[in-house]
Amino acid sequence: MPLYEHVFISRQDLSNAQAEGLIEHFGTVLSDNGGKLVDQEYWGVKTMAYKINKNRKGHYAYLRTDAPASAVQEMERLMRLHDDVMRILTIKVDAHEEGPSAQMQKREDRGDRRERRN
């Protein structure tokens, strides 16, 4: 099955438990449609570059999935209809990277940016 990475932003006035509940809810939607939630990360409340629906901050969540296109389309449809979800992004990838995402890594684990440019 194809591999996907999803990031979605939910409203800032949700509690952490409610925001993490959205991750479980959309993971259940995937599994009901024949997909699998490989990994999930809750990135917390972050300040956005611009306001979305009068919100300056939002709860960020990251999902790695292994699902057919129909399951991903159904999950995205339900995300767009959900009142608490403000933005979604889905990317098809060739392979999932091992370990935590760049957002969850400690700064010293990411390496120095100057080293990568040379």
N, C-alpha and C. Protein backbone atom coordinates (compact mmCIF):
# COMPACT_ATOMS: atom_id res chain seq x y z
N MET A 1 0.85 -1.19 0.00
CA MET A 1 0.00 0.00 0.00
C MET A 1 0.88 1.24 0.00
N PRO A 2 0.37 2.34 -0.51
CA PRO A 2 1.14 3.59 -0.52
C PRO A 2 1.37 4.13 0.89
N LEU A 3 2.47 4.85 1.05
CA LEU A 3 2.82 5.47 2.32
C LEU A 3 2.56 6.97 2.26
N TYR A 4 2.00 7.51 3.32
CA TYR A 4 1.66 8.93 3.38
C TYR A 4 2.12 9.53 4.69
N GLU A 5 2.35 10.85 4.65
CA GLU A 5 2.59 11.64 5.86
C GLU A 5 1.56 12.75 5.88
N HIS A 6 0.95 12.97 7.04
CA HIS A 6 -0.10 13.97 7.19
C HIS A 6 0.26 14.90 8.35
N VAL A 7 0.01 16.17 8.17
CA VAL A 7 0.10 17.15 9.25
C VAL A 7 -1.23 17.88 9.26
N PHE A 8 -1.81 18.03 10.45
CA PHE A 8 -3.01 18.86 10.53
C PHE A 8 -2.93 19.76 11.74
N ILE A 9 -3.60 20.90 11.62
CA ILE A 9 -3.63 21.92 12.67
C ILE A 9 -5.06 22.02 13.17
N SER A 10 -5.22 21.90 14.48
CA SER A 10 -6.55 22.05 15.07
C SER A 10 -6.59 23.32 15.91
N ARG A 11 -7.79 23.73 16.28
CA ARG A 11 -8.00 25.00 16.98
C ARG A 11 -7.23 25.08 18.29
N GLN A 12 -6.80 26.29 18.64
CA GLN A 12 -5.98 26.49 19.83
C GLN A 12 -6.76 26.36 21.13
N ASP A 13 -8.08 26.51 21.10
CA ASP A 13 -8.84 26.46 22.34
C ASP A 13 -9.21 25.04 22.77
N LEU A 14 -8.74 24.03 22.04
CA LEU A 14 -8.93 22.64 22.46
C LEU A 14 -7.93 22.30 23.56
N SER A 15 -8.28 21.36 24.41
CA SER A 15 -7.31 20.87 25.39
C SER A 15 -6.36 19.91 24.70
N ASN A 16 -5.25 19.60 25.36
CA ASN A 16 -4.29 18.65 24.79
C ASN A 16 -4.93 17.28 24.58
N ALA A 17 -5.77 16.87 25.53
CA ALA A 17 -6.45 15.58 25.41
C ALA A 17 -7.39 15.55 24.21
N GLN A 18 -8.10 16.64 23.97
CA GLN A 18 -9.00 16.70 22.82
C GLN A 18 -8.21 16.66 21.52
N ALA A 19 -7.09 17.38 21.47
CA ALA A 19 -6.26 17.40 20.26
C ALA A 19 -5.69 16.01 19.99
N GLU A 20 -5.25 15.31 21.03
CA GLU A 20 -4.75 13.95 20.85
C GLU A 20 -5.88 12.99 20.52
N GLY A 21 -7.09 13.28 20.98
CA GLY A 21 -8.25 12.48 20.63
C GLY A 21 -8.57 12.55 19.14
N LEU A 22 -8.28 13.71 18.53
CA LEU A 22 -8.48 13.84 17.08
C LEU A 22 -7.55 12.89 16.33
N ILE A 23 -6.32 12.75 16.83
CA ILE A 23 -5.36 11.84 16.19
C ILE A 23 -5.91 10.41 16.23
N GLU A 24 -6.41 10.00 17.38
CA GLU A 24 -6.98 8.66 17.51
C GLU A 24 -8.21 8.49 16.63
N HIS A 25 -9.04 9.53 16.57
CA HIS A 25 -10.26 9.46 15.75
C HIS A 25 -9.91 9.24 14.28
N PHE A 26 -8.97 10.03 13.76
CA PHE A 26 -8.63 9.90 12.34
C PHE A 26 -7.84 8.62 12.08
N GLY A 27 -7.10 8.11 13.06
CA GLY A 27 -6.46 6.82 12.92
C GLY A 27 -7.48 5.70 12.82
N THR A 28 -8.57 5.82 13.58
CA THR A 28 -9.66 4.84 13.52
C THR A 28 -10.34 4.88 12.15
N VAL A 29 -10.52 6.08 11.61
CA VAL A 29 -11.12 6.22 10.28
C VAL A 29 -10.27 5.49 9.25
N LEU A 30 -8.96 5.64 9.35
CA LEU A 30 -8.06 4.94 8.42
C LEU A 30 -8.18 3.43 8.56
N SER A 31 -8.13 2.94 9.79
CA SER A 31 -8.17 1.49 9.99
C SER A 31 -9.52 0.90 9.57
N ASP A 32 -10.60 1.66 9.73
CA ASP A 32 -11.92 1.18 9.29
C ASP A 32 -11.99 1.05 7.77
N ASN A 33 -11.16 1.81 7.06
CA ASN A 33 -11.17 1.79 5.60
C ASN A 33 -10.00 1.00 5.01
N GLY A 34 -9.36 0.16 5.81
CA GLY A 34 -8.33 -0.72 5.30
C GLY A 34 -6.91 -0.18 5.39
N GLY A 35 -6.70 0.92 6.08
CA GLY A 35 -5.36 1.49 6.22
C GLY A 35 -4.78 1.21 7.58
N LYS A 36 -3.57 1.71 7.81
CA LYS A 36 -2.90 1.49 9.08
C LYS A 36 -2.15 2.75 9.47
N LEU A 37 -2.29 3.15 10.74
CA LEU A 37 -1.56 4.27 11.29
C LEU A 37 -0.22 3.74 11.79
N VAL A 38 0.86 4.08 11.08
CA VAL A 38 2.18 3.55 11.40
C VAL A 38 2.76 4.26 12.62
N ASP A 39 2.68 5.58 12.64
CA ASP A 39 3.26 6.37 13.72
C ASP A 39 2.46 7.66 13.85
N GLN A 40 2.46 8.21 15.05
CA GLN A 40 1.78 9.47 15.29
C GLN A 40 2.60 10.30 16.26
N GLU A 41 2.55 11.62 16.07
CA GLU A 41 3.24 12.54 16.97
C GLU A 41 2.33 13.73 17.21
N TYR A 42 2.26 14.13 18.46
CA TYR A 42 1.56 15.35 18.81
C TYR A 42 2.63 16.40 19.08
N TRP A 43 2.68 17.44 18.25
CA TRP A 43 3.73 18.44 18.35
C TRP A 43 3.41 19.55 19.33
N GLY A 44 2.19 19.64 19.79
CA GLY A 44 1.82 20.66 20.76
C GLY A 44 1.26 21.92 20.12
N VAL A 45 1.09 22.95 20.93
CA VAL A 45 0.57 24.23 20.46
C VAL A 45 1.73 25.06 19.94
N LYS A 46 1.60 25.54 18.71
CA LYS A 46 2.65 26.35 18.09
C LYS A 46 2.03 27.62 17.50
N THR A 47 2.82 28.67 17.45
CA THR A 47 2.38 29.92 16.85
C THR A 47 2.51 29.81 15.34
N MET A 48 1.46 30.25 14.64
CA MET A 48 1.46 30.19 13.18
C MET A 48 1.99 31.50 12.59
N ALA A 49 2.41 31.46 11.36
CA ALA A 49 2.95 32.64 10.70
C ALA A 49 1.86 33.68 10.42
N TYR A 50 0.63 33.24 10.25
CA TYR A 50 -0.49 34.15 9.98
C TYR A 50 -1.75 33.57 10.60
N LYS A 51 -2.73 34.41 10.78
CA LYS A 51 -3.98 33.97 11.41
C LYS A 51 -4.78 33.10 10.47
N ILE A 52 -5.38 32.06 11.04
CA ILE A 52 -6.30 31.20 10.32
C ILE A 52 -7.59 31.18 11.14
N ASN A 53 -8.68 31.61 10.57
CA ASN A 53 -9.97 31.66 11.27
C ASN A 53 -9.85 32.40 12.60
N LYS A 54 -9.15 33.52 12.60
CA LYS A 54 -8.94 34.37 13.77
C LYS A 54 -8.11 33.71 14.87
N ASN A 55 -7.40 32.64 14.55
CA ASN A 55 -6.53 31.95 15.51
C ASN A 55 -5.08 32.25 15.17
N ARG A 56 -4.30 32.60 16.19
CA ARG A 56 -2.88 32.87 16.02
C ARG A 56 -2.03 31.62 16.32
N LYS A 57 -2.60 30.67 17.08
CA LYS A 57 -1.90 29.44 17.44
C LYS A 57 -2.75 28.24 17.08
N GLY A 58 -2.14 27.06 17.10
CA GLY A 58 -2.89 25.84 16.82
C GLY A 58 -2.17 24.62 17.34
N HIS A 59 -2.92 23.54 17.55
CA HIS A 59 -2.37 22.24 17.93
C HIS A 59 -1.91 21.53 16.66
N TYR A 60 -0.65 21.16 16.60
CA TYR A 60 -0.10 20.47 15.43
C TYR A 60 0.00 18.97 15.71
N ALA A 61 -0.38 18.17 14.72
CA ALA A 61 -0.28 16.72 14.83
C ALA A 61 0.30 16.16 13.53
N TYR A 62 1.05 15.09 13.66
CA TYR A 62 1.75 14.47 12.53
C TYR A 62 1.43 12.98 12.52
N LEU A 63 1.06 12.47 11.36
CA LEU A 63 0.71 11.05 11.21
C LEU A 63 1.52 10.43 10.08
N ARG A 64 1.97 9.21 10.28
CA ARG A 64 2.57 8.41 9.21
C ARG A 64 1.63 7.25 8.98
N THR A 65 1.20 7.08 7.73
CA THR A 65 0.20 6.06 7.45
C THR A 65 0.63 5.15 6.31
N ASP A 66 0.04 3.97 6.30
CA ASP A 66 0.18 2.99 5.23
C ASP A 66 -1.25 2.62 4.85
N ALA A 67 -1.77 3.26 3.81
CA ALA A 67 -3.20 3.12 3.52
C ALA A 67 -3.47 3.26 2.03
N PRO A 68 -4.55 2.63 1.57
CA PRO A 68 -4.96 2.84 0.17
C PRO A 68 -5.47 4.27 -0.02
N ALA A 69 -5.46 4.71 -1.25
CA ALA A 69 -5.88 6.09 -1.55
C ALA A 69 -7.30 6.37 -1.11
N SER A 70 -8.17 5.39 -1.21
CA SER A 70 -9.57 5.60 -0.81
C SER A 70 -9.69 5.90 0.69
N ALA A 71 -8.88 5.24 1.51
CA ALA A 71 -8.91 5.48 2.95
C ALA A 71 -8.39 6.88 3.28
N VAL A 72 -7.33 7.30 2.57
CA VAL A 72 -6.78 8.64 2.79
C VAL A 72 -7.77 9.71 2.35
N GLN A 73 -8.45 9.49 1.23
CA GLN A 73 -9.45 10.44 0.76
C GLN A 73 -10.60 10.57 1.75
N GLU A 74 -11.03 9.46 2.33
CA GLU A 74 -12.11 9.50 3.32
C GLU A 74 -11.66 10.25 4.58
N MET A 75 -10.43 10.00 5.03
CA MET A 75 -9.92 10.69 6.20
C MET A 75 -9.82 12.20 5.94
N GLU A 76 -9.31 12.58 4.77
CA GLU A 76 -9.21 14.00 4.42
C GLU A 76 -10.59 14.64 4.32
N ARG A 77 -11.56 13.92 3.79
CA ARG A 77 -12.91 14.45 3.69
C ARG A 77 -13.47 14.74 5.08
N LEU A 78 -13.28 13.81 6.00
CA LEU A 78 -13.77 14.00 7.36
C LEU A 78 -13.00 15.10 8.09
N MET A 79 -11.71 15.24 7.78
CA MET A 79 -10.93 16.34 8.39
C MET A 79 -11.46 17.70 7.93
N ARG A 80 -11.77 17.80 6.62
CA ARG A 80 -12.28 19.08 6.11
C ARG A 80 -13.64 19.41 6.69
N LEU A 81 -14.45 18.40 7.01
CA LEU A 81 -15.77 18.64 7.58
C LEU A 81 -15.73 18.91 9.08
N HIS A 82 -14.67 18.50 9.75
CA HIS A 82 -14.57 18.64 11.21
C HIS A 82 -14.36 20.10 11.58
N ASP A 83 -15.12 20.60 12.52
CA ASP A 83 -15.06 22.01 12.92
C ASP A 83 -13.74 22.37 13.61
N ASP A 84 -13.11 21.42 14.27
CA ASP A 84 -11.90 21.71 15.04
C ASP A 84 -10.63 21.72 14.19
N VAL A 85 -10.66 21.15 13.01
CA VAL A 85 -9.47 21.07 12.15
C VAL A 85 -9.45 22.29 11.23
N MET A 86 -8.33 23.04 11.29
CA MET A 86 -8.21 24.26 10.49
C MET A 86 -7.48 24.04 9.16
N ARG A 87 -6.41 23.25 9.17
CA ARG A 87 -5.63 22.99 7.96
C ARG A 87 -5.14 21.55 7.96
N ILE A 88 -5.00 21.00 6.73
CA ILE A 88 -4.44 19.66 6.58
C ILE A 88 -3.44 19.66 5.43
N LEU A 89 -2.46 18.78 5.53
CA LEU A 89 -1.47 18.59 4.48
C LEU A 89 -1.17 17.10 4.40
N THR A 90 -1.28 16.53 3.21
CA THR A 90 -0.97 15.12 3.00
C THR A 90 0.06 15.01 1.90
N ILE A 91 1.10 14.21 2.16
CA ILE A 91 2.17 14.01 1.19
C ILE A 91 2.41 12.51 1.02
N LYS A 92 2.49 12.06 -0.21
CA LYS A 92 2.82 10.67 -0.49
C LYS A 92 4.34 10.54 -0.50
N VAL A 93 4.85 9.55 0.23
CA VAL A 93 6.30 9.35 0.33
C VAL A 93 6.66 7.95 -0.14
N ASP A 94 7.93 7.78 -0.51
CA ASP A 94 8.42 6.47 -0.94
C ASP A 94 8.68 5.56 0.25
N ALA A 95 9.21 6.14 1.33
CA ALA A 95 9.50 5.37 2.54
C ALA A 95 9.42 6.29 3.75
N HIS A 96 9.02 5.73 4.88
CA HIS A 96 8.98 6.51 6.12
C HIS A 96 10.38 6.54 6.72
N GLU A 97 10.77 7.70 7.24
CA GLU A 97 12.05 7.81 7.92
C GLU A 97 11.95 7.17 9.29
N GLU A 98 13.03 6.59 9.73
CA GLU A 98 13.06 5.97 11.05
C GLU A 98 13.24 7.04 12.12
N GLY A 99 12.68 6.79 13.28
CA GLY A 99 12.86 7.70 14.41
C GLY A 99 11.88 8.86 14.38
N PRO A 100 12.07 9.78 15.31
CA PRO A 100 11.15 10.92 15.40
C PRO A 100 11.34 11.90 14.25
N SER A 101 10.32 12.70 14.01
CA SER A 101 10.40 13.72 12.97
C SER A 101 11.34 14.83 13.41
N ALA A 102 11.66 15.72 12.50
CA ALA A 102 12.57 16.83 12.80
C ALA A 102 12.00 17.73 13.90
N GLN A 103 10.69 17.86 13.99
CA GLN A 103 10.07 18.68 15.03
C GLN A 103 10.30 18.11 16.42
N MET A 104 10.39 16.81 16.54
CA MET A 104 10.52 16.17 17.85
C MET A 104 11.97 15.90 18.26
N GLN A 105 12.91 16.06 17.34
CA GLN A 105 14.31 15.83 17.67
C GLN A 105 14.87 17.01 18.45
N LYS A 106 15.83 16.72 19.30
CA LYS A 106 16.52 17.79 20.01
C LYS A 106 17.38 18.54 19.02
N ARG A 107 17.60 19.80 19.29
CA ARG A 107 18.35 20.63 18.36
C ARG A 107 19.74 20.07 18.08
N GLU A 108 20.43 19.56 19.10
CA GLU A 108 21.78 19.05 18.88
C GLU A 108 21.78 17.75 18.07
N ASP A 109 20.67 17.01 18.06
CA ASP A 109 20.58 15.79 17.28
C ASP A 109 20.38 16.06 15.79
N ARG A 110 19.85 17.22 15.45
CA ARG A 110 19.59 17.55 14.05
C ARG A 110 20.86 17.87 13.29
N GLY A 111 21.91 18.25 13.99
CA GLY A 111 23.15 18.61 13.32
C GLY A 111 23.18 20.10 13.02
N ASP A 112 24.35 20.58 12.73
CA ASP A 112 24.54 22.01 12.45
C ASP A 112 24.19 22.28 10.99
N ARG A 113 23.43 23.31 10.73
CA ARG A 113 23.03 23.63 9.36
C ARG A 113 24.20 24.01 8.48
N ARG A 114 25.18 24.67 9.08
CA ARG A 114 26.35 25.09 8.29
C ARG A 114 27.12 23.89 7.75
N GLU A 115 27.12 22.79 8.50
CA GLU A 115 27.83 21.60 8.05
C GLU A 115 27.18 20.99 6.81
N ARG A 116 25.88 21.03 6.73
CA ARG A 116 25.16 20.41 5.62
C ARG A 116 25.32 21.21 4.33
N ARG A 117 25.52 22.51 4.42
CA ARG A 117 25.62 23.33 3.22
C ARG A 117 26.94 23.10 2.49
N ASN A 118 27.98 22.77 3.21
CA ASN A 118 29.30 22.62 2.58
C ASN A 118 29.48 21.28 1.96
